[in-house]
Amino acid sequence: MSNIQLNKTIVNSLKEAREYPRQTYNELIKNMVELYKNVKKINQYDEFLHKIQQAEMRELWDNKEDEVWENV
C-alpha cells in the first residue's frame, strides 16, 4: 500500500463517481484504469484505420481530372 495526495476536488469527484457508497477508492481507480485502457485500444484501432484510409482518399481527391473541373 502507498499514500497519494489528491486535491479535494479530485476526492469529491471520486466520491461522486462511486458505483455504491462503500466502494473503495482503490476499486474505483482500478475500474477507471481498465476503462481507460479499453478506450485507448479502440482509439488506436481508429487511428490505424484512419491512416490506411488517408492514402486511398488522397488518391481519390488529388488527381488531375478533378483539377480540370475546378477551373471550368
N, C-alpha and C. Protein backbone atom coordinates (compact mmCIF):
# COMPACT_ATOMS: atom_id res chain seq x y z
N MET A 1 0.84 -1.19 0.00
CA MET A 1 0.00 0.00 0.00
C MET A 1 0.88 1.24 0.00
N SER A 2 0.34 2.30 -0.58
CA SER A 2 1.03 3.58 -0.54
C SER A 2 0.01 4.69 -0.39
N ASN A 3 0.49 5.84 0.00
CA ASN A 3 -0.37 7.01 0.14
C ASN A 3 -0.10 7.96 -1.00
N ILE A 4 -1.17 8.54 -1.52
CA ILE A 4 -1.03 9.57 -2.53
C ILE A 4 -1.83 10.79 -2.09
N GLN A 5 -1.36 11.95 -2.48
CA GLN A 5 -2.07 13.17 -2.12
C GLN A 5 -2.90 13.62 -3.32
N LEU A 6 -4.16 13.94 -3.06
CA LEU A 6 -5.08 14.40 -4.09
C LEU A 6 -5.73 15.70 -3.67
N ASN A 7 -6.02 16.54 -4.64
CA ASN A 7 -6.78 17.75 -4.35
C ASN A 7 -8.18 17.37 -3.86
N LYS A 8 -8.75 18.21 -3.05
CA LYS A 8 -10.09 17.93 -2.53
C LYS A 8 -11.12 17.82 -3.66
N THR A 9 -10.92 18.57 -4.75
CA THR A 9 -11.86 18.49 -5.86
C THR A 9 -11.81 17.10 -6.52
N ILE A 10 -10.63 16.51 -6.58
CA ILE A 10 -10.49 15.16 -7.13
C ILE A 10 -11.15 14.14 -6.20
N VAL A 11 -10.94 14.29 -4.92
CA VAL A 11 -11.56 13.39 -3.95
C VAL A 11 -13.08 13.47 -4.06
N ASN A 12 -13.60 14.69 -4.17
CA ASN A 12 -15.06 14.85 -4.32
C ASN A 12 -15.55 14.22 -5.62
N SER A 13 -14.78 14.36 -6.69
CA SER A 13 -15.15 13.73 -7.97
C SER A 13 -15.15 12.22 -7.85
N LEU A 14 -14.18 11.68 -7.14
CA LEU A 14 -14.13 10.23 -6.92
C LEU A 14 -15.35 9.76 -6.11
N LYS A 15 -15.71 10.54 -5.10
CA LYS A 15 -16.89 10.19 -4.30
C LYS A 15 -18.14 10.15 -5.17
N GLU A 16 -18.27 11.12 -6.07
CA GLU A 16 -19.44 11.18 -6.95
C GLU A 16 -19.44 10.04 -7.97
N ALA A 17 -18.27 9.55 -8.32
CA ALA A 17 -18.15 8.52 -9.36
C ALA A 17 -18.37 7.10 -8.82
N ARG A 18 -18.44 6.94 -7.52
CA ARG A 18 -18.62 5.61 -6.94
C ARG A 18 -19.89 4.96 -7.46
N GLU A 19 -19.81 3.64 -7.63
CA GLU A 19 -20.99 2.87 -8.05
C GLU A 19 -21.90 2.58 -6.87
N TYR A 20 -21.32 2.48 -5.69
CA TYR A 20 -22.09 2.27 -4.46
C TYR A 20 -21.33 2.95 -3.32
N PRO A 21 -22.02 3.33 -2.26
CA PRO A 21 -21.42 4.18 -1.21
C PRO A 21 -20.16 3.62 -0.56
N ARG A 22 -20.05 2.32 -0.39
CA ARG A 22 -18.91 1.75 0.33
C ARG A 22 -17.80 1.28 -0.61
N GLN A 23 -17.88 1.65 -1.88
CA GLN A 23 -16.84 1.26 -2.83
C GLN A 23 -15.54 1.98 -2.47
N THR A 24 -14.45 1.24 -2.44
CA THR A 24 -13.17 1.83 -2.08
C THR A 24 -12.60 2.62 -3.26
N TYR A 25 -11.75 3.59 -2.93
CA TYR A 25 -11.09 4.35 -3.99
C TYR A 25 -10.20 3.44 -4.82
N ASN A 26 -9.59 2.45 -4.18
CA ASN A 26 -8.73 1.51 -4.89
C ASN A 26 -9.53 0.78 -5.98
N GLU A 27 -10.70 0.29 -5.62
CA GLU A 27 -11.55 -0.42 -6.58
C GLU A 27 -12.03 0.53 -7.68
N LEU A 28 -12.41 1.72 -7.30
CA LEU A 28 -12.89 2.71 -8.26
C LEU A 28 -11.80 3.08 -9.26
N ILE A 29 -10.60 3.35 -8.77
CA ILE A 29 -9.50 3.73 -9.65
C ILE A 29 -9.10 2.56 -10.54
N LYS A 30 -9.13 1.35 -10.00
CA LYS A 30 -8.83 0.16 -10.81
C LYS A 30 -9.81 0.06 -11.98
N ASN A 31 -11.10 0.27 -11.72
CA ASN A 31 -12.11 0.24 -12.79
C ASN A 31 -11.87 1.34 -13.81
N MET A 32 -11.51 2.52 -13.33
CA MET A 32 -11.24 3.65 -14.23
C MET A 32 -10.03 3.35 -15.13
N VAL A 33 -9.01 2.73 -14.57
CA VAL A 33 -7.82 2.38 -15.35
C VAL A 33 -8.19 1.37 -16.44
N GLU A 34 -8.99 0.38 -16.10
CA GLU A 34 -9.42 -0.61 -17.09
C GLU A 34 -10.22 0.04 -18.21
N LEU A 35 -11.12 0.95 -17.85
CA LEU A 35 -11.89 1.67 -18.86
C LEU A 35 -10.97 2.49 -19.76
N TYR A 36 -10.00 3.14 -19.18
CA TYR A 36 -9.05 3.95 -19.94
C TYR A 36 -8.27 3.08 -20.92
N LYS A 37 -7.82 1.92 -20.47
CA LYS A 37 -7.07 1.02 -21.35
C LYS A 37 -7.93 0.58 -22.54
N ASN A 38 -9.19 0.26 -22.27
CA ASN A 38 -10.09 -0.17 -23.35
C ASN A 38 -10.33 0.94 -24.36
N VAL A 39 -10.54 2.14 -23.87
CA VAL A 39 -10.76 3.29 -24.75
C VAL A 39 -9.50 3.55 -25.58
N LYS A 40 -8.36 3.41 -24.97
CA LYS A 40 -7.09 3.63 -25.66
C LYS A 40 -6.92 2.62 -26.79
N LYS A 41 -7.28 1.35 -26.55
CA LYS A 41 -7.21 0.33 -27.59
C LYS A 41 -8.12 0.67 -28.76
N ILE A 42 -9.33 1.12 -28.45
CA ILE A 42 -10.29 1.49 -29.50
C ILE A 42 -9.76 2.66 -30.31
N ASN A 43 -9.20 3.66 -29.63
CA ASN A 43 -8.65 4.82 -30.31
C ASN A 43 -7.47 4.45 -31.20
N GLN A 44 -6.63 3.52 -30.75
CA GLN A 44 -5.50 3.07 -31.57
C GLN A 44 -6.01 2.41 -32.84
N TYR A 45 -7.06 1.62 -32.72
CA TYR A 45 -7.65 0.95 -33.88
C TYR A 45 -8.22 1.98 -34.85
N ASP A 46 -8.93 2.98 -34.31
CA ASP A 46 -9.49 4.04 -35.15
C ASP A 46 -8.40 4.82 -35.87
N GLU A 47 -7.31 5.13 -35.18
CA GLU A 47 -6.19 5.84 -35.80
C GLU A 47 -5.56 4.99 -36.90
N PHE A 48 -5.45 3.68 -36.67
CA PHE A 48 -4.91 2.77 -37.66
C PHE A 48 -5.77 2.79 -38.93
N LEU A 49 -7.08 2.70 -38.75
CA LEU A 49 -7.99 2.73 -39.91
C LEU A 49 -7.89 4.07 -40.64
N HIS A 50 -7.79 5.14 -39.89
CA HIS A 50 -7.69 6.47 -40.49
C HIS A 50 -6.44 6.59 -41.35
N LYS A 51 -5.31 6.08 -40.86
CA LYS A 51 -4.06 6.14 -41.62
C LYS A 51 -4.16 5.32 -42.90
N ILE A 52 -4.80 4.18 -42.83
CA ILE A 52 -4.98 3.35 -44.02
C ILE A 52 -5.85 4.08 -45.04
N GLN A 53 -6.89 4.72 -44.57
CA GLN A 53 -7.82 5.40 -45.47
C GLN A 53 -7.23 6.66 -46.07
N GLN A 54 -6.28 7.28 -45.41
CA GLN A 54 -5.70 8.53 -45.92
C GLN A 54 -5.10 8.36 -47.30
N ALA A 55 -4.37 7.28 -47.52
CA ALA A 55 -3.74 7.06 -48.83
C ALA A 55 -4.80 6.91 -49.91
N GLU A 56 -5.84 6.18 -49.62
CA GLU A 56 -6.92 5.98 -50.61
C GLU A 56 -7.64 7.30 -50.89
N MET A 57 -7.92 8.06 -49.85
CA MET A 57 -8.62 9.34 -50.04
C MET A 57 -7.75 10.33 -50.82
N ARG A 58 -6.45 10.32 -50.57
CA ARG A 58 -5.54 11.19 -51.30
C ARG A 58 -5.57 10.83 -52.78
N GLU A 59 -5.60 9.54 -53.06
CA GLU A 59 -5.66 9.07 -54.45
C GLU A 59 -6.97 9.51 -55.11
N LEU A 60 -8.05 9.47 -54.37
CA LEU A 60 -9.35 9.85 -54.93
C LEU A 60 -9.47 11.36 -55.14
N TRP A 61 -8.96 12.14 -54.21
CA TRP A 61 -9.15 13.58 -54.25
C TRP A 61 -8.05 14.35 -54.97
N ASP A 62 -6.84 13.87 -54.92
CA ASP A 62 -5.72 14.58 -55.55
C ASP A 62 -5.42 13.97 -56.91
N ASN A 63 -6.25 14.31 -57.88
CA ASN A 63 -6.00 13.80 -59.22
C ASN A 63 -6.23 14.90 -60.25
N LYS A 64 -5.68 14.74 -61.42
CA LYS A 64 -5.74 15.76 -62.48
C LYS A 64 -7.16 15.98 -62.98
N GLU A 65 -7.96 14.92 -63.04
CA GLU A 65 -9.31 15.05 -63.57
C GLU A 65 -10.15 16.03 -62.74
N ASP A 66 -10.02 15.95 -61.43
CA ASP A 66 -10.77 16.86 -60.56
C ASP A 66 -10.27 18.30 -60.70
N GLU A 67 -8.98 18.48 -60.88
CA GLU A 67 -8.42 19.82 -61.03
C GLU A 67 -8.94 20.49 -62.29
N VAL A 68 -9.15 19.73 -63.35
CA VAL A 68 -9.69 20.29 -64.59
C VAL A 68 -11.09 20.84 -64.34
N TRP A 69 -11.92 20.12 -63.58
CA TRP A 69 -13.28 20.56 -63.32
C TRP A 69 -13.33 21.80 -62.43
N GLU A 70 -12.34 21.99 -61.60
CA GLU A 70 -12.31 23.17 -60.73
C GLU A 70 -12.13 24.45 -61.54
N ASN A 71 -11.47 24.37 -62.69
CA ASN A 71 -11.19 25.54 -63.49
C ASN A 71 -12.23 25.82 -64.58
N VAL A 72 -13.29 25.02 -64.63
CA VAL A 72 -14.33 25.20 -65.67
C VAL A 72 -15.25 26.32 -65.27
